[in-house]
Amino acid sequence: MKILDSQGRLFGKLSILDVGAALIVLLVAVGIFFFPGTSGGSVAQVGTSVKPVEIDAIAIGLKGTNVQDLFKSGDTINVVIRNQPSGQITIKSVKTLTRTLAVPQPNGTLKALPDPREEESFSKNMMFTLEGKGQLTENGPVLGNTKVKIGTTLELEGKKYIFNASVIDVRVKE
Protein backbone atom coordinates (compact mmCIF):
# COMPACT_ATOMS: atom_id res chain seq x y z
CA MET A 1 0.00 0.00 0.00
CA LYS A 2 1.30 3.41 -0.97
CA ILE A 3 1.65 6.23 1.59
CA LEU A 4 0.10 8.75 -0.84
CA ASP A 5 -2.42 7.78 -3.48
CA SER A 6 -3.25 9.64 -6.70
CA GLN A 7 -5.84 11.89 -4.95
CA GLY A 8 -3.39 13.09 -2.28
CA ARG A 9 -4.71 10.97 0.59
CA LEU A 10 -2.50 9.38 3.23
CA PHE A 11 -2.91 5.62 3.25
CA GLY A 12 -5.96 6.11 1.05
CA LYS A 13 -8.05 7.56 3.88
CA LEU A 14 -6.84 11.01 5.14
CA SER A 15 -6.33 14.07 3.02
CA ILE A 16 -3.00 15.88 3.40
CA LEU A 17 -4.89 19.18 3.73
CA ASP A 18 -6.96 17.81 6.62
CA VAL A 19 -3.84 16.58 8.40
CA GLY A 20 -2.15 19.98 7.88
CA ALA A 21 -5.20 21.85 9.24
CA ALA A 22 -5.38 19.57 12.29
CA LEU A 23 -1.67 20.10 12.95
CA ILE A 24 -2.08 23.91 12.80
CA VAL A 25 -5.05 23.80 15.22
CA LEU A 26 -3.04 21.61 17.59
CA LEU A 27 -0.04 23.99 17.50
CA VAL A 28 -2.28 27.02 18.16
CA ALA A 29 -3.92 25.28 21.13
CA VAL A 30 -0.51 24.37 22.58
CA GLY A 31 0.66 27.96 22.09
CA ILE A 32 -2.38 29.42 23.86
CA PHE A 33 -2.38 27.09 26.86
CA PHE A 34 1.34 26.60 27.44
CA PHE A 35 2.69 30.01 26.36
CA PRO A 36 -0.04 32.55 27.20
CA GLY A 37 2.30 35.55 27.14
CA THR A 38 2.18 38.44 29.58
CA SER A 39 -0.98 38.92 31.56
CA GLY A 40 -2.01 42.36 32.76
CA GLY A 41 1.29 43.97 31.87
CA SER A 42 1.74 46.99 29.70
CA VAL A 43 4.51 48.70 27.85
CA ALA A 44 4.03 51.74 30.09
CA GLN A 45 5.20 49.74 33.14
CA VAL A 46 8.64 48.93 31.80
CA GLY A 47 11.33 51.04 33.47
CA THR A 48 8.93 53.19 35.46
CA SER A 49 8.57 54.16 39.08
CA VAL A 50 5.37 54.53 41.08
CA LYS A 51 4.91 57.98 42.64
CA PRO A 52 2.09 59.90 44.30
CA VAL A 53 0.20 62.00 41.73
CA GLU A 54 -2.12 64.95 42.40
CA ILE A 55 -4.66 65.89 39.77
CA ASP A 56 -6.80 69.03 39.67
CA ALA A 57 -9.99 68.47 37.69
CA ILE A 58 -12.94 70.72 37.03
CA ALA A 59 -16.56 69.70 36.46
CA ILE A 60 -18.66 72.38 34.78
CA GLY A 61 -22.43 72.30 35.17
CA LEU A 62 -22.63 69.36 37.56
CA LYS A 63 -26.38 68.84 38.00
CA GLY A 64 -28.22 67.71 41.12
CA THR A 65 -29.68 68.84 44.40
CA ASN A 66 -27.08 69.34 47.12
CA VAL A 67 -24.27 68.17 44.84
CA GLN A 68 -21.63 69.61 47.15
CA ASP A 69 -22.76 67.18 49.90
CA LEU A 70 -21.90 64.12 47.77
CA PHE A 71 -18.14 64.65 47.97
CA LYS A 72 -16.01 64.42 51.10
CA SER A 73 -12.27 64.69 51.46
CA GLY A 74 -10.77 61.25 51.90
CA ASP A 75 -13.44 59.40 49.88
CA THR A 76 -12.12 56.83 47.41
CA ILE A 77 -13.77 56.83 43.99
CA ASN A 78 -13.41 54.89 40.74
CA VAL A 79 -11.80 56.55 37.74
CA VAL A 80 -12.32 55.76 34.04
CA ILE A 81 -9.99 57.40 31.52
CA ARG A 82 -10.71 57.07 27.78
CA ASN A 83 -13.22 54.27 28.48
CA GLN A 84 -10.55 52.29 30.34
CA PRO A 85 -11.05 51.58 34.08
CA SER A 86 -8.05 53.16 35.77
CA GLY A 87 -8.46 52.05 39.37
CA GLN A 88 -9.35 54.15 42.36
CA ILE A 89 -8.29 57.59 43.45
CA THR A 90 -8.83 59.61 46.64
CA ILE A 91 -10.56 62.99 46.84
CA LYS A 92 -8.13 65.32 48.57
CA SER A 93 -10.28 68.45 48.41
CA VAL A 94 -13.42 69.81 46.75
CA LYS A 95 -14.19 73.45 46.01
CA THR A 96 -17.48 74.82 44.71
CA LEU A 97 -16.90 77.59 42.19
CA THR A 98 -19.41 80.43 42.23
CA ARG A 99 -21.37 80.87 39.00
CA THR A 100 -21.30 84.52 38.02
CA LEU A 101 -22.65 86.72 35.27
CA ALA A 102 -21.03 89.82 33.81
CA VAL A 103 -23.47 92.65 34.61
CA PRO A 104 -23.01 96.04 32.88
CA GLN A 105 -22.84 98.96 35.30
CA PRO A 106 -24.16 102.49 34.69
CA ASN A 107 -20.61 103.83 34.30
CA GLY A 108 -19.91 101.36 31.43
CA THR A 109 -17.85 98.82 33.41
CA LEU A 110 -18.70 95.20 34.00
CA LYS A 111 -19.16 93.62 37.40
CA ALA A 112 -19.26 89.88 38.12
CA LEU A 113 -22.33 89.06 40.21
CA PRO A 114 -23.77 85.69 41.34
CA ASP A 115 -26.13 84.11 38.81
CA PRO A 116 -29.71 84.80 40.04
CA ARG A 117 -31.49 82.32 37.74
CA GLU A 118 -33.42 79.68 39.68
CA GLU A 119 -32.56 76.79 37.34
CA GLU A 120 -28.86 77.43 37.89
CA SER A 121 -29.24 76.62 41.60
CA PHE A 122 -29.18 72.93 40.54
CA SER A 123 -26.03 73.32 38.45
CA LYS A 124 -22.63 73.64 40.14
CA ASN A 125 -19.11 74.18 38.91
CA MET A 126 -16.71 72.23 41.08
CA MET A 127 -12.95 71.82 41.28
CA PHE A 128 -11.53 68.60 42.65
CA THR A 129 -8.02 67.82 43.83
CA LEU A 130 -7.52 64.07 43.51
CA GLU A 131 -4.56 62.00 44.62
CA GLY A 132 -3.42 58.51 43.82
CA LYS A 133 -0.47 56.40 42.77
CA GLY A 134 0.76 56.66 39.21
CA GLN A 135 3.62 55.35 37.18
CA LEU A 136 6.06 58.00 36.09
CA THR A 137 7.18 57.56 32.49
CA GLU A 138 9.19 59.81 30.19
CA ASN A 139 5.86 61.06 28.76
CA GLY A 140 4.37 61.91 32.16
CA PRO A 141 2.28 60.11 34.77
CA VAL A 142 0.17 57.06 33.93
CA LEU A 143 -2.88 55.92 35.92
CA GLY A 144 -4.17 52.43 35.19
CA ASN A 145 -2.22 52.13 31.92
CA THR A 146 -3.55 55.47 30.60
CA LYS A 147 -1.60 58.72 30.38
CA VAL A 148 -3.01 61.63 32.39
CA LYS A 149 -2.35 65.10 31.01
CA ILE A 150 -4.01 68.50 31.11
CA GLY A 151 -7.18 68.26 29.03
CA THR A 152 -7.78 64.57 29.71
CA THR A 153 -11.41 63.78 30.59
CA LEU A 154 -11.88 61.71 33.72
CA GLU A 155 -15.08 59.84 34.46
CA LEU A 156 -15.49 59.86 38.25
CA GLU A 157 -17.82 57.33 39.83
CA GLY A 158 -18.95 57.08 43.44
CA LYS A 159 -21.83 55.30 45.18
CA LYS A 160 -24.41 57.94 44.18
CA TYR A 161 -22.90 59.67 41.16
CA ILE A 162 -21.03 59.38 37.89
CA PHE A 163 -19.82 62.43 35.95
CA ASN A 164 -17.02 63.76 33.75
CA ALA A 165 -14.36 66.23 34.80
CA SER A 166 -11.51 67.78 32.80
CA VAL A 167 -7.95 67.69 34.10
CA ILE A 168 -6.56 71.22 34.56
CA ASP A 169 -3.31 70.38 36.38
CA VAL A 170 -1.16 67.32 37.10
CA ARG A 171 1.54 67.26 39.79
CA VAL A 172 3.91 64.43 40.61
CA LYS A 173 4.93 64.45 44.28
CA GLU A 174 8.30 63.22 45.45
C-alpha atoms as a PDB file:
ATOM      1  CA  MET A   1       0.000   0.000   0.000  1.00  0.00           C
ATOM      2  CA  LYS A   2       1.299   3.409  -0.966  1.00  0.00           C
ATOM      3  CA  ILE A   3       1.649   6.232   1.588  1.00  0.00           C
ATOM      4  CA  LEU A   4       0.098   8.751  -0.839  1.00  0.00           C
ATOM      5  CA  ASP A   5      -2.421   7.779  -3.479  1.00  0.00           C
ATOM      6  CA  SER A   6      -3.254   9.643  -6.705  1.00  0.00           C
ATOM      7  CA  GLN A   7      -5.835  11.891  -4.952  1.00  0.00           C
ATOM      8  CA  GLY A   8      -3.387  13.091  -2.277  1.00  0.00           C
ATOM      9  CA  ARG A   9      -4.708  10.967   0.592  1.00  0.00           C
ATOM     10  CA  LEU A  10      -2.495   9.384   3.227  1.00  0.00           C
ATOM     11  CA  PHE A  11      -2.906   5.615   3.247  1.00  0.00           C
ATOM     12  CA  GLY A  12      -5.962   6.114   1.052  1.00  0.00           C
ATOM     13  CA  LYS A  13      -8.054   7.558   3.882  1.00  0.00           C
ATOM     14  CA  LEU A  14      -6.837  11.006   5.138  1.00  0.00           C
ATOM     15  CA  SER A  15      -6.327  14.070   3.020  1.00  0.00           C
ATOM     16  CA  ILE A  16      -3.002  15.878   3.403  1.00  0.00           C
ATOM     17  CA  LEU A  17      -4.886  19.184   3.725  1.00  0.00           C
ATOM     18  CA  ASP A  18      -6.963  17.808   6.619  1.00  0.00           C
ATOM     19  CA  VAL A  19      -3.836  16.584   8.405  1.00  0.00           C
ATOM     20  CA  GLY A  20      -2.152  19.975   7.879  1.00  0.00           C
ATOM     21  CA  ALA A  21      -5.199  21.854   9.240  1.00  0.00           C
ATOM     22  CA  ALA A  22      -5.382  19.566  12.291  1.00  0.00           C
ATOM     23  CA  LEU A  23      -1.671  20.103  12.949  1.00  0.00           C
ATOM     24  CA  ILE A  24      -2.081  23.913  12.803  1.00  0.00           C
ATOM     25  CA  VAL A  25      -5.054  23.805  15.217  1.00  0.00           C
ATOM     26  CA  LEU A  26      -3.037  21.613  17.593  1.00  0.00           C
ATOM     27  CA  LEU A  27      -0.041  23.994  17.499  1.00  0.00           C
ATOM     28  CA  VAL A  28      -2.280  27.023  18.159  1.00  0.00           C
ATOM     29  CA  ALA A  29      -3.919  25.282  21.134  1.00  0.00           C
ATOM     30  CA  VAL A  30      -0.510  24.370  22.580  1.00  0.00           C
ATOM     31  CA  GLY A  31       0.661  27.958  22.085  1.00  0.00           C
ATOM     32  CA  ILE A  32      -2.376  29.420  23.863  1.00  0.00           C
ATOM     33  CA  PHE A  33      -2.380  27.094  26.857  1.00  0.00           C
ATOM     34  CA  PHE A  34       1.336  26.599  27.443  1.00  0.00           C
ATOM     35  CA  PHE A  35       2.694  30.011  26.361  1.00  0.00           C
ATOM     36  CA  PRO A  36      -0.038  32.553  27.198  1.00  0.00           C
ATOM     37  CA  GLY A  37       2.301  35.553  27.142  1.00  0.00           C
ATOM     38  CA  THR A  38       2.182  38.435  29.579  1.00  0.00           C
ATOM     39  CA  SER A  39      -0.983  38.918  31.562  1.00  0.00           C
ATOM     40  CA  GLY A  40      -2.011  42.358  32.759  1.00  0.00           C
ATOM     41  CA  GLY A  41       1.293  43.965  31.870  1.00  0.00           C
ATOM     42  CA  SER A  42       1.742  46.993  29.701  1.00  0.00           C
ATOM     43  CA  VAL A  43       4.512  48.700  27.848  1.00  0.00           C
ATOM     44  CA  ALA A  44       4.029  51.735  30.087  1.00  0.00           C
ATOM     45  CA  GLN A  45       5.202  49.736  33.136  1.00  0.00           C
ATOM     46  CA  VAL A  46       8.636  48.929  31.797  1.00  0.00           C
ATOM     47  CA  GLY A  47      11.335  51.036  33.469  1.00  0.00           C
ATOM     48  CA  THR A  48       8.929  53.191  35.456  1.00  0.00           C
ATOM     49  CA  SER A  49       8.574  54.162  39.079  1.00  0.00           C
ATOM     50  CA  VAL A  50       5.371  54.535  41.077  1.00  0.00           C
ATOM     51  CA  LYS A  51       4.911  57.981  42.644  1.00  0.00           C
ATOM     52  CA  PRO A  52       2.085  59.897  44.305  1.00  0.00           C
ATOM     53  CA  VAL A  53       0.203  61.995  41.732  1.00  0.00           C
ATOM     54  CA  GLU A  54      -2.116  64.955  42.403  1.00  0.00           C
ATOM     55  CA  ILE A  55      -4.660  65.893  39.770  1.00  0.00           C
ATOM     56  CA  ASP A  56      -6.801  69.029  39.668  1.00  0.00           C
ATOM     57  CA  ALA A  57      -9.985  68.465  37.685  1.00  0.00           C
ATOM     58  CA  ILE A  58     -12.944  70.725  37.031  1.00  0.00           C
ATOM     59  CA  ALA A  59     -16.557  69.697  36.460  1.00  0.00           C
ATOM     60  CA  ILE A  60     -18.659  72.380  34.780  1.00  0.00           C
ATOM     61  CA  GLY A  61     -22.434  72.299  35.165  1.00  0.00           C
ATOM     62  CA  LEU A  62     -22.631  69.359  37.557  1.00  0.00           C
ATOM     63  CA  LYS A  63     -26.378  68.845  37.996  1.00  0.00           C
ATOM     64  CA  GLY A  64     -28.215  67.711  41.121  1.00  0.00           C
ATOM     65  CA  THR A  65     -29.683  68.842  44.402  1.00  0.00           C
ATOM     66  CA  ASN A  66     -27.078  69.342  47.125  1.00  0.00           C
ATOM     67  CA  VAL A  67     -24.272  68.173  44.836  1.00  0.00           C
ATOM     68  CA  GLN A  68     -21.632  69.613  47.150  1.00  0.00           C
ATOM     69  CA  ASP A  69     -22.763  67.175  49.902  1.00  0.00           C
ATOM     70  CA  LEU A  70     -21.901  64.116  47.774  1.00  0.00           C
ATOM     71  CA  PHE A  71     -18.144  64.647  47.968  1.00  0.00           C
ATOM     72  CA  LYS A  72     -16.014  64.417  51.099  1.00  0.00           C
ATOM     73  CA  SER A  73     -12.271  64.693  51.459  1.00  0.00           C
ATOM     74  CA  GLY A  74     -10.771  61.249  51.902  1.00  0.00           C
ATOM     75  CA  ASP A  75     -13.438  59.400  49.877  1.00  0.00           C
ATOM     76  CA  THR A  76     -12.120  56.831  47.414  1.00  0.00           C
ATOM     77  CA  ILE A  77     -13.765  56.834  43.988  1.00  0.00           C
ATOM     78  CA  ASN A  78     -13.415  54.887  40.740  1.00  0.00           C
ATOM     79  CA  VAL A  79     -11.798  56.550  37.739  1.00  0.00           C
ATOM     80  CA  VAL A  80     -12.319  55.760  34.045  1.00  0.00           C
ATOM     81  CA  ILE A  81      -9.985  57.401  31.523  1.00  0.00           C
ATOM     82  CA  ARG A  82     -10.706  57.069  27.779  1.00  0.00           C
ATOM     83  CA  ASN A  83     -13.221  54.272  28.476  1.00  0.00           C
ATOM     84  CA  GLN A  84     -10.551  52.285  30.345  1.00  0.00           C
ATOM     85  CA  PRO A  85     -11.046  51.581  34.077  1.00  0.00           C
ATOM     86  CA  SER A  86      -8.051  53.156  35.768  1.00  0.00           C
ATOM     87  CA  GLY A  87      -8.460  52.054  39.371  1.00  0.00           C
ATOM     88  CA  GLN A  88      -9.352  54.148  42.361  1.00  0.00           C
ATOM     89  CA  ILE A  89      -8.288  57.593  43.452  1.00  0.00           C
ATOM     90  CA  THR A  90      -8.825  59.609  46.637  1.00  0.00           C
ATOM     91  CA  ILE A  91     -10.563  62.986  46.842  1.00  0.00           C
ATOM     92  CA  LYS A  92      -8.127  65.319  48.573  1.00  0.00           C
ATOM     93  CA  SER A  93     -10.284  68.447  48.408  1.00  0.00           C
ATOM     94  CA  VAL A  94     -13.422  69.811  46.754  1.00  0.00           C
ATOM     95  CA  LYS A  95     -14.188  73.446  46.013  1.00  0.00           C
ATOM     96  CA  THR A  96     -17.485  74.816  44.708  1.00  0.00           C
ATOM     97  CA  LEU A  97     -16.900  77.587  42.188  1.00  0.00           C
ATOM     98  CA  THR A  98     -19.413  80.427  42.231  1.00  0.00           C
ATOM     99  CA  ARG A  99     -21.368  80.873  39.004  1.00  0.00           C
ATOM    100  CA  THR A 100     -21.301  84.520  38.023  1.00  0.00           C
ATOM    101  CA  LEU A 101     -22.653  86.723  35.274  1.00  0.00           C
ATOM    102  CA  ALA A 102     -21.031  89.817  33.805  1.00  0.00           C
ATOM    103  CA  VAL A 103     -23.474  92.649  34.606  1.00  0.00           C
ATOM    104  CA  PRO A 104     -23.009  96.044  32.884  1.00  0.00           C
ATOM    105  CA  GLN A 105     -22.837  98.963  35.296  1.00  0.00           C
ATOM    106  CA  PRO A 106     -24.156 102.492  34.690  1.00  0.00           C
ATOM    107  CA  ASN A 107     -20.609 103.826  34.301  1.00  0.00           C
ATOM    108  CA  GLY A 108     -19.908 101.364  31.435  1.00  0.00           C
ATOM    109  CA  THR A 109     -17.847  98.821  33.406  1.00  0.00           C
ATOM    110  CA  LEU A 110     -18.697  95.201  34.002  1.00  0.00           C
ATOM    111  CA  LYS A 111     -19.161  93.621  37.399  1.00  0.00           C
ATOM    112  CA  ALA A 112     -19.256  89.880  38.121  1.00  0.00           C
ATOM    113  CA  LEU A 113     -22.333  89.060  40.207  1.00  0.00           C
ATOM    114  CA  PRO A 114     -23.773  85.693  41.340  1.00  0.00           C
ATOM    115  CA  ASP A 115     -26.133  84.112  38.809  1.00  0.00           C
ATOM    116  CA  PRO A 116     -29.708  84.800  40.041  1.00  0.00           C
ATOM    117  CA  ARG A 117     -31.487  82.318  37.737  1.00  0.00           C
ATOM    118  CA  GLU A 118     -33.423  79.681  39.676  1.00  0.00           C
ATOM    119  CA  GLU A 119     -32.556  76.791  37.338  1.00  0.00           C
ATOM    120  CA  GLU A 120     -28.856  77.434  37.893  1.00  0.00           C
ATOM    121  CA  SER A 121     -29.236  76.621  41.598  1.00  0.00           C
ATOM    122  CA  PHE A 122     -29.184  72.931  40.538  1.00  0.00           C
ATOM    123  CA  SER A 123     -26.033  73.322  38.446  1.00  0.00           C
ATOM    124  CA  LYS A 124     -22.632  73.643  40.142  1.00  0.00           C
ATOM    125  CA  ASN A 125     -19.115  74.184  38.912  1.00  0.00           C
ATOM    126  CA  MET A 126     -16.710  72.228  41.084  1.00  0.00           C
ATOM    127  CA  MET A 127     -12.951  71.820  41.278  1.00  0.00           C
ATOM    128  CA  PHE A 128     -11.526  68.595  42.652  1.00  0.00           C
ATOM    129  CA  THR A 129      -8.024  67.819  43.834  1.00  0.00           C
ATOM    130  CA  LEU A 130      -7.519  64.068  43.511  1.00  0.00           C
ATOM    131  CA  GLU A 131      -4.562  62.001  44.621  1.00  0.00           C
ATOM    132  CA  GLY A 132      -3.416  58.508  43.819  1.00  0.00           C
ATOM    133  CA  LYS A 133      -0.466  56.403  42.769  1.00  0.00           C
ATOM    134  CA  GLY A 134       0.760  56.663  39.206  1.00  0.00           C
ATOM    135  CA  GLN A 135       3.621  55.345  37.184  1.00  0.00           C
ATOM    136  CA  LEU A 136       6.056  58.003  36.090  1.00  0.00           C
ATOM    137  CA  THR A 137       7.183  57.561  32.488  1.00  0.00           C
ATOM    138  CA  GLU A 138       9.187  59.806  30.192  1.00  0.00           C
ATOM    139  CA  ASN A 139       5.860  61.056  28.763  1.00  0.00           C
ATOM    140  CA  GLY A 140       4.368  61.909  32.159  1.00  0.00           C
ATOM    141  CA  PRO A 141       2.282  60.105  34.770  1.00  0.00           C
ATOM    142  CA  VAL A 142       0.170  57.063  33.928  1.00  0.00           C
ATOM    143  CA  LEU A 143      -2.878  55.925  35.923  1.00  0.00           C
ATOM    144  CA  GLY A 144      -4.171  52.429  35.191  1.00  0.00           C
ATOM    145  CA  ASN A 145      -2.216  52.129  31.917  1.00  0.00           C
ATOM    146  CA  THR A 146      -3.555  55.467  30.603  1.00  0.00           C
ATOM    147  CA  LYS A 147      -1.603  58.724  30.381  1.00  0.00           C
ATOM    148  CA  VAL A 148      -3.012  61.628  32.386  1.00  0.00           C
ATOM    149  CA  LYS A 149      -2.347  65.102  31.006  1.00  0.00           C
ATOM    150  CA  ILE A 150      -4.005  68.500  31.106  1.00  0.00           C
ATOM    151  CA  GLY A 151      -7.176  68.265  29.026  1.00  0.00           C
ATOM    152  CA  THR A 152      -7.784  64.566  29.708  1.00  0.00           C
ATOM    153  CA  THR A 153     -11.406  63.781  30.587  1.00  0.00           C
ATOM    154  CA  LEU A 154     -11.879  61.708  33.721  1.00  0.00           C
ATOM    155  CA  GLU A 155     -15.081  59.839  34.458  1.00  0.00           C
ATOM    156  CA  LEU A 156     -15.486  59.855  38.250  1.00  0.00           C
ATOM    157  CA  GLU A 157     -17.822  57.331  39.834  1.00  0.00           C
ATOM    158  CA  GLY A 158     -18.947  57.078  43.438  1.00  0.00           C
ATOM    159  CA  LYS A 159     -21.826  55.300  45.181  1.00  0.00           C
ATOM    160  CA  LYS A 160     -24.408  57.936  44.183  1.00  0.00           C
ATOM    161  CA  TYR A 161     -22.899  59.670  41.157  1.00  0.00           C
ATOM    162  CA  ILE A 162     -21.031  59.385  37.894  1.00  0.00           C
ATOM    163  CA  PHE A 163     -19.824  62.434  35.953  1.00  0.00           C
ATOM    164  CA  ASN A 164     -17.025  63.757  33.752  1.00  0.00           C
ATOM    165  CA  ALA A 165     -14.360  66.231  34.797  1.00  0.00           C
ATOM    166  CA  SER A 166     -11.508  67.776  32.804  1.00  0.00           C
ATOM    167  CA  VAL A 167      -7.948  67.693  34.101  1.00  0.00           C
ATOM    168  CA  ILE A 168      -6.560  71.219  34.562  1.00  0.00           C
ATOM    169  CA  ASP A 169      -3.312  70.381  36.385  1.00  0.00           C
ATOM    170  CA  VAL A 170      -1.159  67.318  37.101  1.00  0.00           C
ATOM    171  CA  ARG A 171       1.536  67.264  39.793  1.00  0.00           C
ATOM    172  CA  VAL A 172       3.911  64.429  40.613  1.00  0.00           C
ATOM    173  CA  LYS A 173       4.927  64.447  44.277  1.00  0.00           C
ATOM    174  CA  GLU A 174       8.296  63.221  45.454  1.00  0.00           C
END
